[in-house]
N, C-alpha and C. Protein backbone atom coordinates (compact mmCIF):
# COMPACT_ATOMS: atom_id res chain seq x y z
N MET A 1 -3.31 -27.10 32.09
CA MET A 1 -1.95 -27.38 32.55
C MET A 1 -2.03 -27.96 33.97
N SER A 2 -1.25 -28.98 34.22
CA SER A 2 -1.23 -29.62 35.53
C SER A 2 -0.01 -29.15 36.30
N ASP A 3 -0.17 -29.08 37.61
CA ASP A 3 0.98 -28.73 38.44
C ASP A 3 1.49 -29.96 39.19
N GLN A 4 1.05 -31.11 38.75
CA GLN A 4 1.44 -32.36 39.40
C GLN A 4 2.92 -32.62 39.19
N THR A 5 3.59 -33.00 40.27
CA THR A 5 4.99 -33.39 40.20
C THR A 5 5.06 -34.90 40.35
N TYR A 6 5.89 -35.49 39.54
CA TYR A 6 6.06 -36.94 39.55
C TYR A 6 7.41 -37.30 40.14
N LYS A 7 7.66 -38.59 40.17
CA LYS A 7 8.99 -39.11 40.46
C LYS A 7 9.60 -39.52 39.13
N PRO A 8 10.92 -39.60 39.06
CA PRO A 8 11.53 -40.03 37.80
C PRO A 8 10.99 -41.38 37.30
N SER A 9 10.58 -42.25 38.22
CA SER A 9 10.06 -43.55 37.81
C SER A 9 8.78 -43.43 36.99
N HIS A 10 7.97 -42.40 37.25
CA HIS A 10 6.77 -42.17 36.44
C HIS A 10 7.14 -41.91 34.98
N ILE A 11 8.15 -41.06 34.80
CA ILE A 11 8.58 -40.68 33.46
C ILE A 11 9.25 -41.88 32.77
N ALA A 12 10.06 -42.61 33.52
CA ALA A 12 10.71 -43.81 32.96
C ALA A 12 9.66 -44.79 32.47
N ASN A 13 8.63 -45.02 33.27
CA ASN A 13 7.60 -45.97 32.86
C ASN A 13 6.84 -45.50 31.63
N TYR A 14 6.66 -44.19 31.50
CA TYR A 14 6.02 -43.67 30.29
C TYR A 14 6.79 -44.14 29.05
N PHE A 15 8.12 -43.94 29.06
CA PHE A 15 8.94 -44.32 27.91
C PHE A 15 9.04 -45.84 27.76
N LEU A 16 9.13 -46.55 28.87
CA LEU A 16 9.22 -48.02 28.79
C LEU A 16 7.94 -48.62 28.22
N LYS A 17 6.80 -48.08 28.57
CA LYS A 17 5.54 -48.59 28.03
C LYS A 17 5.43 -48.30 26.54
N ARG A 18 5.82 -47.10 26.14
CA ARG A 18 5.81 -46.76 24.71
C ARG A 18 6.74 -47.70 23.95
N ALA A 19 7.91 -47.93 24.50
CA ALA A 19 8.89 -48.79 23.84
C ALA A 19 8.34 -50.21 23.71
N ASP A 20 7.71 -50.70 24.75
CA ASP A 20 7.15 -52.05 24.71
C ASP A 20 6.07 -52.16 23.64
N ARG A 21 5.17 -51.18 23.58
CA ARG A 21 4.10 -51.20 22.57
C ARG A 21 4.65 -51.19 21.15
N GLU A 22 5.78 -50.49 20.96
CA GLU A 22 6.34 -50.36 19.62
C GLU A 22 7.50 -51.33 19.37
N GLU A 23 7.72 -52.22 20.34
CA GLU A 23 8.78 -53.23 20.25
C GLU A 23 10.15 -52.60 19.97
N ILE A 24 10.45 -51.56 20.74
CA ILE A 24 11.74 -50.89 20.66
C ILE A 24 12.48 -51.18 21.96
N HIS A 25 13.72 -51.61 21.85
CA HIS A 25 14.52 -51.91 23.04
C HIS A 25 15.12 -50.64 23.61
N ILE A 26 15.04 -50.52 24.93
CA ILE A 26 15.64 -49.39 25.63
C ILE A 26 16.60 -49.92 26.68
N THR A 27 17.82 -49.43 26.63
CA THR A 27 18.81 -49.76 27.65
C THR A 27 18.75 -48.71 28.75
N GLN A 28 19.44 -48.99 29.82
CA GLN A 28 19.49 -48.04 30.93
C GLN A 28 20.02 -46.68 30.47
N LEU A 29 21.08 -46.68 29.68
CA LEU A 29 21.66 -45.42 29.21
C LEU A 29 20.64 -44.62 28.40
N LYS A 30 19.95 -45.28 27.50
CA LYS A 30 18.95 -44.58 26.69
C LYS A 30 17.80 -44.08 27.55
N LEU A 31 17.36 -44.89 28.50
CA LEU A 31 16.26 -44.47 29.37
C LEU A 31 16.65 -43.23 30.17
N LEU A 32 17.85 -43.23 30.73
CA LEU A 32 18.30 -42.06 31.49
C LEU A 32 18.30 -40.81 30.63
N LYS A 33 18.73 -40.93 29.38
CA LYS A 33 18.77 -39.77 28.50
C LYS A 33 17.36 -39.34 28.10
N LEU A 34 16.47 -40.29 27.82
CA LEU A 34 15.09 -39.93 27.47
C LEU A 34 14.39 -39.20 28.61
N VAL A 35 14.57 -39.69 29.82
CA VAL A 35 13.94 -39.04 30.98
C VAL A 35 14.50 -37.63 31.17
N TYR A 36 15.81 -37.49 31.01
CA TYR A 36 16.43 -36.17 31.10
C TYR A 36 15.89 -35.23 30.02
N ILE A 37 15.82 -35.71 28.79
CA ILE A 37 15.32 -34.88 27.69
C ILE A 37 13.85 -34.53 27.93
N GLY A 38 13.06 -35.50 28.36
CA GLY A 38 11.66 -35.22 28.68
C GLY A 38 11.52 -34.16 29.75
N TYR A 39 12.33 -34.28 30.78
CA TYR A 39 12.35 -33.28 31.85
C TYR A 39 12.67 -31.91 31.27
N GLY A 40 13.70 -31.85 30.43
CA GLY A 40 14.12 -30.57 29.84
C GLY A 40 13.06 -29.96 28.96
N TRP A 41 12.41 -30.77 28.15
CA TRP A 41 11.36 -30.25 27.27
C TRP A 41 10.19 -29.71 28.07
N VAL A 42 9.74 -30.45 29.07
CA VAL A 42 8.61 -29.98 29.88
C VAL A 42 8.99 -28.69 30.61
N LEU A 43 10.19 -28.64 31.14
CA LEU A 43 10.67 -27.44 31.82
C LEU A 43 10.69 -26.25 30.86
N ALA A 44 11.18 -26.46 29.65
CA ALA A 44 11.28 -25.38 28.67
C ALA A 44 9.92 -24.92 28.16
N VAL A 45 9.03 -25.86 27.91
CA VAL A 45 7.73 -25.52 27.31
C VAL A 45 6.70 -25.08 28.35
N SER A 46 6.67 -25.76 29.49
CA SER A 46 5.62 -25.51 30.48
C SER A 46 6.11 -24.80 31.74
N ASP A 47 7.41 -24.53 31.80
CA ASP A 47 8.00 -23.88 32.98
C ASP A 47 7.65 -24.68 34.24
N ARG A 48 7.81 -25.98 34.13
CA ARG A 48 7.41 -26.89 35.20
C ARG A 48 8.42 -28.02 35.34
N GLU A 49 8.82 -28.31 36.55
CA GLU A 49 9.69 -29.45 36.81
C GLU A 49 8.82 -30.70 36.94
N LEU A 50 9.10 -31.68 36.09
CA LEU A 50 8.33 -32.93 36.13
C LEU A 50 8.54 -33.69 37.42
N PHE A 51 9.75 -33.62 37.96
CA PHE A 51 10.06 -34.30 39.22
C PHE A 51 11.05 -33.43 39.97
N ASP A 52 11.13 -33.67 41.28
CA ASP A 52 11.99 -32.80 42.10
C ASP A 52 13.33 -33.43 42.46
N GLU A 53 13.64 -34.58 41.90
CA GLU A 53 14.95 -35.17 42.13
C GLU A 53 15.99 -34.43 41.29
N GLN A 54 17.13 -34.20 41.88
CA GLN A 54 18.18 -33.50 41.17
C GLN A 54 18.81 -34.38 40.11
N ILE A 55 19.24 -33.75 39.03
CA ILE A 55 19.92 -34.44 37.94
C ILE A 55 21.41 -34.15 38.09
N GLU A 56 22.21 -35.20 38.04
CA GLU A 56 23.64 -35.05 38.27
C GLU A 56 24.44 -35.26 36.99
N ALA A 57 25.61 -34.62 36.95
CA ALA A 57 26.54 -34.78 35.84
C ALA A 57 27.49 -35.93 36.15
N TRP A 58 27.33 -37.02 35.41
CA TRP A 58 28.21 -38.18 35.55
C TRP A 58 29.03 -38.31 34.27
N GLN A 59 29.93 -39.25 34.26
CA GLN A 59 30.83 -39.42 33.12
C GLN A 59 30.09 -39.53 31.79
N HIS A 60 28.99 -40.28 31.76
CA HIS A 60 28.28 -40.52 30.50
C HIS A 60 27.07 -39.61 30.32
N GLY A 61 27.07 -38.48 31.00
CA GLY A 61 26.01 -37.49 30.80
C GLY A 61 25.16 -37.30 32.03
N PRO A 62 24.03 -36.62 31.83
CA PRO A 62 23.10 -36.38 32.93
C PRO A 62 22.50 -37.68 33.45
N VAL A 63 22.43 -37.80 34.77
CA VAL A 63 21.90 -39.02 35.39
C VAL A 63 20.95 -38.64 36.52
N ILE A 64 19.85 -39.36 36.59
CA ILE A 64 18.92 -39.26 37.71
C ILE A 64 19.26 -40.47 38.59
N PRO A 65 19.88 -40.22 39.77
CA PRO A 65 20.40 -41.35 40.57
C PRO A 65 19.39 -42.44 40.89
N SER A 66 18.15 -42.09 41.21
CA SER A 66 17.18 -43.13 41.57
C SER A 66 16.91 -44.06 40.39
N LEU A 67 16.88 -43.52 39.17
CA LEU A 67 16.66 -44.37 37.99
C LEU A 67 17.89 -45.23 37.71
N TYR A 68 19.04 -44.64 37.86
CA TYR A 68 20.26 -45.42 37.67
C TYR A 68 20.24 -46.62 38.62
N ASN A 69 19.92 -46.37 39.88
CA ASN A 69 19.92 -47.45 40.87
C ASN A 69 18.83 -48.49 40.58
N GLU A 70 17.69 -48.04 40.09
CA GLU A 70 16.59 -48.97 39.80
C GLU A 70 16.92 -49.91 38.64
N PHE A 71 17.64 -49.38 37.64
CA PHE A 71 17.84 -50.16 36.42
C PHE A 71 19.28 -50.57 36.14
N LYS A 72 20.21 -50.29 37.05
CA LYS A 72 21.62 -50.59 36.78
C LYS A 72 21.89 -52.08 36.57
N HIS A 73 21.09 -52.93 37.16
CA HIS A 73 21.32 -54.37 37.00
C HIS A 73 21.11 -54.85 35.57
N PHE A 74 20.49 -54.04 34.72
CA PHE A 74 20.33 -54.41 33.31
C PHE A 74 21.60 -54.18 32.51
N GLY A 75 22.50 -53.34 33.04
CA GLY A 75 23.73 -53.04 32.31
C GLY A 75 23.42 -52.52 30.92
N LYS A 76 24.00 -53.17 29.91
CA LYS A 76 23.80 -52.75 28.52
C LYS A 76 22.64 -53.50 27.85
N ASN A 77 21.98 -54.36 28.61
CA ASN A 77 20.87 -55.14 28.07
C ASN A 77 19.58 -54.32 28.05
N PRO A 78 18.65 -54.69 27.17
CA PRO A 78 17.36 -54.00 27.15
C PRO A 78 16.61 -54.18 28.48
N ILE A 79 15.96 -53.14 28.90
CA ILE A 79 15.15 -53.19 30.13
C ILE A 79 13.85 -53.93 29.79
N ASP A 80 13.49 -54.90 30.62
CA ASP A 80 12.28 -55.68 30.35
C ASP A 80 11.28 -55.65 31.51
N GLN A 81 11.39 -54.64 32.34
CA GLN A 81 10.41 -54.48 33.41
C GLN A 81 10.23 -53.00 33.70
N LEU A 82 9.11 -52.66 34.31
CA LEU A 82 8.82 -51.27 34.66
C LEU A 82 9.37 -50.96 36.04
N ALA A 83 9.54 -49.68 36.30
CA ALA A 83 9.91 -49.22 37.64
C ALA A 83 8.74 -49.50 38.57
N THR A 84 9.05 -49.82 39.81
CA THR A 84 8.00 -50.07 40.80
C THR A 84 8.28 -49.27 42.06
N GLU A 85 7.24 -49.10 42.84
CA GLU A 85 7.35 -48.44 44.14
C GLU A 85 6.59 -49.29 45.15
N PHE A 86 7.02 -49.21 46.38
CA PHE A 86 6.32 -49.92 47.45
C PHE A 86 5.36 -48.94 48.11
N ASP A 87 4.07 -49.27 48.09
CA ASP A 87 3.04 -48.43 48.69
C ASP A 87 2.94 -48.78 50.17
N LEU A 88 3.27 -47.82 51.02
CA LEU A 88 3.28 -48.06 52.46
C LEU A 88 1.88 -48.23 53.05
N GLU A 89 0.87 -47.74 52.35
CA GLU A 89 -0.50 -47.90 52.85
C GLU A 89 -1.06 -49.28 52.54
N SER A 90 -0.84 -49.75 51.31
CA SER A 90 -1.41 -51.04 50.92
C SER A 90 -0.42 -52.19 51.05
N PHE A 91 0.86 -51.85 51.30
CA PHE A 91 1.93 -52.86 51.36
C PHE A 91 2.03 -53.66 50.07
N GLU A 92 1.82 -52.97 48.95
CA GLU A 92 1.91 -53.60 47.64
C GLU A 92 2.89 -52.84 46.76
N LEU A 93 3.44 -53.57 45.80
CA LEU A 93 4.25 -52.90 44.78
C LEU A 93 3.31 -52.26 43.77
N THR A 94 3.59 -51.02 43.42
CA THR A 94 2.79 -50.32 42.43
C THR A 94 3.68 -49.93 41.25
N THR A 95 3.05 -49.67 40.14
CA THR A 95 3.75 -49.22 38.95
C THR A 95 3.39 -47.75 38.72
N PRO A 96 4.33 -46.84 38.96
CA PRO A 96 4.03 -45.41 38.80
C PRO A 96 3.70 -45.06 37.35
N GLU A 97 2.66 -44.26 37.18
CA GLU A 97 2.24 -43.83 35.85
C GLU A 97 1.91 -42.35 35.87
N ILE A 98 2.10 -41.71 34.74
CA ILE A 98 1.71 -40.31 34.60
C ILE A 98 0.20 -40.26 34.51
N ASN A 99 -0.38 -39.30 35.18
CA ASN A 99 -1.83 -39.12 35.17
C ASN A 99 -2.29 -38.84 33.74
N ILE A 100 -3.25 -39.60 33.27
CA ILE A 100 -3.75 -39.43 31.90
C ILE A 100 -4.37 -38.04 31.70
N ALA A 101 -4.85 -37.43 32.78
CA ALA A 101 -5.45 -36.10 32.69
C ALA A 101 -4.39 -35.00 32.58
N ASP A 102 -3.15 -35.34 32.77
CA ASP A 102 -2.06 -34.37 32.66
C ASP A 102 -1.69 -34.25 31.18
N ILE A 103 -2.51 -33.52 30.46
CA ILE A 103 -2.40 -33.43 29.00
C ILE A 103 -1.06 -32.84 28.58
N ASP A 104 -0.61 -31.79 29.26
CA ASP A 104 0.67 -31.16 28.88
C ASP A 104 1.82 -32.14 28.94
N ALA A 105 1.97 -32.81 30.07
CA ALA A 105 3.08 -33.74 30.23
C ALA A 105 2.99 -34.87 29.21
N ASN A 106 1.81 -35.44 29.04
CA ASN A 106 1.65 -36.53 28.09
C ASN A 106 1.95 -36.09 26.65
N MET A 107 1.49 -34.90 26.29
CA MET A 107 1.71 -34.42 24.93
C MET A 107 3.19 -34.12 24.67
N ILE A 108 3.86 -33.50 25.63
CA ILE A 108 5.28 -33.18 25.45
C ILE A 108 6.12 -34.44 25.45
N LEU A 109 5.86 -35.35 26.37
CA LEU A 109 6.63 -36.60 26.39
C LEU A 109 6.39 -37.43 25.13
N ASP A 110 5.18 -37.35 24.59
CA ASP A 110 4.90 -38.03 23.33
C ASP A 110 5.78 -37.46 22.22
N LYS A 111 5.94 -36.15 22.17
CA LYS A 111 6.80 -35.53 21.15
C LYS A 111 8.26 -35.96 21.35
N VAL A 112 8.70 -35.99 22.59
CA VAL A 112 10.06 -36.44 22.88
C VAL A 112 10.24 -37.87 22.37
N TRP A 113 9.27 -38.72 22.64
CA TRP A 113 9.35 -40.11 22.21
C TRP A 113 9.44 -40.21 20.68
N VAL A 114 8.57 -39.47 19.99
CA VAL A 114 8.55 -39.52 18.53
C VAL A 114 9.89 -39.06 17.95
N VAL A 115 10.47 -38.02 18.52
CA VAL A 115 11.73 -37.48 18.01
C VAL A 115 12.90 -38.41 18.30
N TYR A 116 12.93 -39.02 19.49
CA TYR A 116 14.14 -39.73 19.94
C TYR A 116 14.02 -41.25 20.03
N ARG A 117 12.88 -41.83 19.73
CA ARG A 117 12.70 -43.27 19.94
C ARG A 117 13.68 -44.13 19.16
N HIS A 118 14.08 -43.68 17.97
CA HIS A 118 14.99 -44.48 17.16
C HIS A 118 16.45 -44.05 17.28
N VAL A 119 16.72 -43.08 18.13
CA VAL A 119 18.09 -42.61 18.33
C VAL A 119 18.76 -43.56 19.32
N ARG A 120 19.92 -44.06 18.95
CA ARG A 120 20.63 -45.01 19.81
C ARG A 120 21.14 -44.33 21.08
N ALA A 121 21.34 -45.14 22.10
CA ALA A 121 21.75 -44.64 23.41
C ALA A 121 23.02 -43.80 23.33
N TRP A 122 24.02 -44.29 22.59
CA TRP A 122 25.30 -43.56 22.53
C TRP A 122 25.17 -42.27 21.74
N ALA A 123 24.25 -42.22 20.80
CA ALA A 123 24.00 -40.97 20.08
C ALA A 123 23.34 -39.95 21.02
N LEU A 124 22.43 -40.42 21.87
CA LEU A 124 21.82 -39.52 22.86
C LEU A 124 22.88 -39.06 23.85
N ARG A 125 23.75 -39.95 24.25
CA ARG A 125 24.85 -39.57 25.13
C ARG A 125 25.68 -38.48 24.47
N GLY A 126 25.96 -38.65 23.19
CA GLY A 126 26.73 -37.66 22.46
C GLY A 126 26.06 -36.30 22.44
N LYS A 127 24.73 -36.29 22.30
CA LYS A 127 24.00 -35.02 22.31
C LYS A 127 24.17 -34.30 23.65
N THR A 128 24.20 -35.07 24.74
CA THR A 128 24.35 -34.43 26.05
C THR A 128 25.77 -33.94 26.29
N HIS A 129 26.71 -34.41 25.46
CA HIS A 129 28.13 -34.03 25.62
C HIS A 129 28.55 -32.91 24.67
N GLU A 130 27.64 -32.39 23.87
CA GLU A 130 27.99 -31.31 22.96
C GLU A 130 28.39 -30.06 23.74
N ASP A 131 29.19 -29.23 23.11
CA ASP A 131 29.59 -27.97 23.72
C ASP A 131 28.35 -27.14 24.06
N GLY A 132 28.37 -26.53 25.22
CA GLY A 132 27.29 -25.65 25.64
C GLY A 132 26.11 -26.32 26.30
N THR A 133 26.13 -27.65 26.44
CA THR A 133 25.02 -28.33 27.11
C THR A 133 25.14 -28.15 28.62
N PRO A 134 24.06 -28.33 29.35
CA PRO A 134 24.13 -28.25 30.81
C PRO A 134 25.15 -29.23 31.40
N TRP A 135 25.25 -30.43 30.80
CA TRP A 135 26.24 -31.40 31.28
C TRP A 135 27.65 -30.85 31.10
N THR A 136 27.93 -30.29 29.92
CA THR A 136 29.26 -29.75 29.64
C THR A 136 29.59 -28.62 30.60
N GLU A 137 28.63 -27.75 30.80
CA GLU A 137 28.84 -26.61 31.71
C GLU A 137 29.13 -27.08 33.12
N THR A 138 28.55 -28.18 33.51
CA THR A 138 28.72 -28.69 34.87
C THR A 138 29.92 -29.63 35.00
N TYR A 139 30.02 -30.61 34.12
CA TYR A 139 31.04 -31.65 34.24
C TYR A 139 32.41 -31.22 33.73
N ARG A 140 32.44 -30.74 32.52
CA ARG A 140 33.71 -30.40 31.89
C ARG A 140 34.30 -29.08 32.37
N ASN A 141 33.44 -28.18 32.75
CA ASN A 141 33.92 -26.84 33.07
C ASN A 141 34.17 -26.63 34.55
N GLY A 142 34.68 -27.65 35.20
CA GLY A 142 35.21 -27.45 36.52
C GLY A 142 34.46 -27.99 37.71
N LEU A 143 33.18 -28.30 37.56
CA LEU A 143 32.46 -28.77 38.75
C LEU A 143 32.65 -30.26 38.98
N GLY A 144 32.75 -31.05 37.90
CA GLY A 144 33.10 -32.46 38.03
C GLY A 144 31.94 -33.41 38.18
N ALA A 145 32.30 -34.69 38.31
CA ALA A 145 31.32 -35.77 38.37
C ALA A 145 30.51 -35.72 39.66
N GLY A 146 29.24 -36.04 39.53
CA GLY A 146 28.36 -36.09 40.68
C GLY A 146 27.77 -34.76 41.07
N GLU A 147 28.17 -33.70 40.39
CA GLU A 147 27.62 -32.38 40.69
C GLU A 147 26.21 -32.25 40.14
N VAL A 148 25.38 -31.52 40.84
CA VAL A 148 24.01 -31.28 40.41
C VAL A 148 24.03 -30.31 39.23
N ILE A 149 23.27 -30.65 38.20
CA ILE A 149 23.13 -29.76 37.05
C ILE A 149 22.04 -28.75 37.38
N ASP A 150 22.37 -27.50 37.27
CA ASP A 150 21.45 -26.41 37.61
C ASP A 150 20.20 -26.45 36.72
N THR A 151 19.04 -26.38 37.34
CA THR A 151 17.78 -26.42 36.60
C THR A 151 17.68 -25.26 35.62
N GLY A 152 18.21 -24.10 35.99
CA GLY A 152 18.20 -22.95 35.09
C GLY A 152 18.97 -23.22 33.82
N LEU A 153 20.10 -23.92 33.93
CA LEU A 153 20.88 -24.29 32.74
C LEU A 153 20.09 -25.23 31.84
N ILE A 154 19.41 -26.18 32.46
CA ILE A 154 18.61 -27.15 31.70
C ILE A 154 17.49 -26.43 30.95
N LYS A 155 16.79 -25.56 31.64
CA LYS A 155 15.67 -24.84 31.03
C LYS A 155 16.14 -23.99 29.86
N LYS A 156 17.20 -23.23 30.06
CA LYS A 156 17.72 -22.36 29.00
C LYS A 156 18.16 -23.18 27.79
N HIS A 157 18.87 -24.27 28.04
CA HIS A 157 19.35 -25.13 26.96
C HIS A 157 18.20 -25.68 26.12
N PHE A 158 17.18 -26.20 26.78
CA PHE A 158 16.08 -26.80 26.03
C PHE A 158 15.20 -25.75 25.36
N GLN A 159 15.08 -24.58 25.94
CA GLN A 159 14.37 -23.50 25.24
C GLN A 159 15.09 -23.15 23.94
N THR A 160 16.41 -23.09 24.00
CA THR A 160 17.20 -22.81 22.80
C THR A 160 17.05 -23.91 21.77
N LYS A 161 17.15 -25.17 22.20
CA LYS A 161 17.05 -26.30 21.28
C LYS A 161 15.67 -26.38 20.63
N ILE A 162 14.63 -26.18 21.41
CA ILE A 162 13.28 -26.24 20.86
C ILE A 162 13.08 -25.11 19.85
N ALA A 163 13.58 -23.92 20.16
CA ALA A 163 13.50 -22.80 19.21
C ALA A 163 14.23 -23.14 17.91
N GLU A 164 15.38 -23.81 18.01
CA GLU A 164 16.12 -24.23 16.81
C GLU A 164 15.32 -25.23 16.00
N TYR A 165 14.65 -26.18 16.66
CA TYR A 165 13.83 -27.16 15.95
C TYR A 165 12.68 -26.48 15.22
N ILE A 166 12.05 -25.52 15.89
CA ILE A 166 10.94 -24.80 15.29
C ILE A 166 11.41 -24.00 14.07
N ASP A 167 12.53 -23.31 14.22
CA ASP A 167 13.09 -22.53 13.11
C ASP A 167 13.45 -23.42 11.92
N ALA A 168 14.03 -24.59 12.22
CA ALA A 168 14.41 -25.51 11.15
C ALA A 168 13.20 -26.07 10.42
N ALA A 169 12.09 -26.21 11.13
CA ALA A 169 10.88 -26.77 10.54
C ALA A 169 10.10 -25.74 9.74
N ALA A 170 10.37 -24.47 10.00
CA ALA A 170 9.60 -23.39 9.34
C ALA A 170 10.01 -23.19 7.90
């Protein structure tokens, strides 16, 4: 198990690279939901936060602000580039990637990809809007737009969902 913490751009690039290899189009909305779900699964399974940026409750579900800002210019169009970062030491743009030696993160994100790769963006949005989700608890139940979604709510929700998937498969 790795204790490495990433930035949301690392997780976004993981999904964008998988999508490119499999010729699956990902919009900004779908990417935001995949990164959120990946974060939730890793938190639930490994008791580890993949990144330390807060996730906020916006109108269309959970949002990681840095990813929204990086990819908002795509609007509803498929994303055709990876997230980049400026390296202050080398003065070069780099492409953040998850460490290949981080087996837990890679394995869990792979499962997330396999489960959700063909689910449309609006269907993923709908999943985040179901009763009892962390988004619902934060956005609909009085805290409002832009509020931080509590990590404890995310962890509990995904632990419950994963247990339901396991029970359904048994």
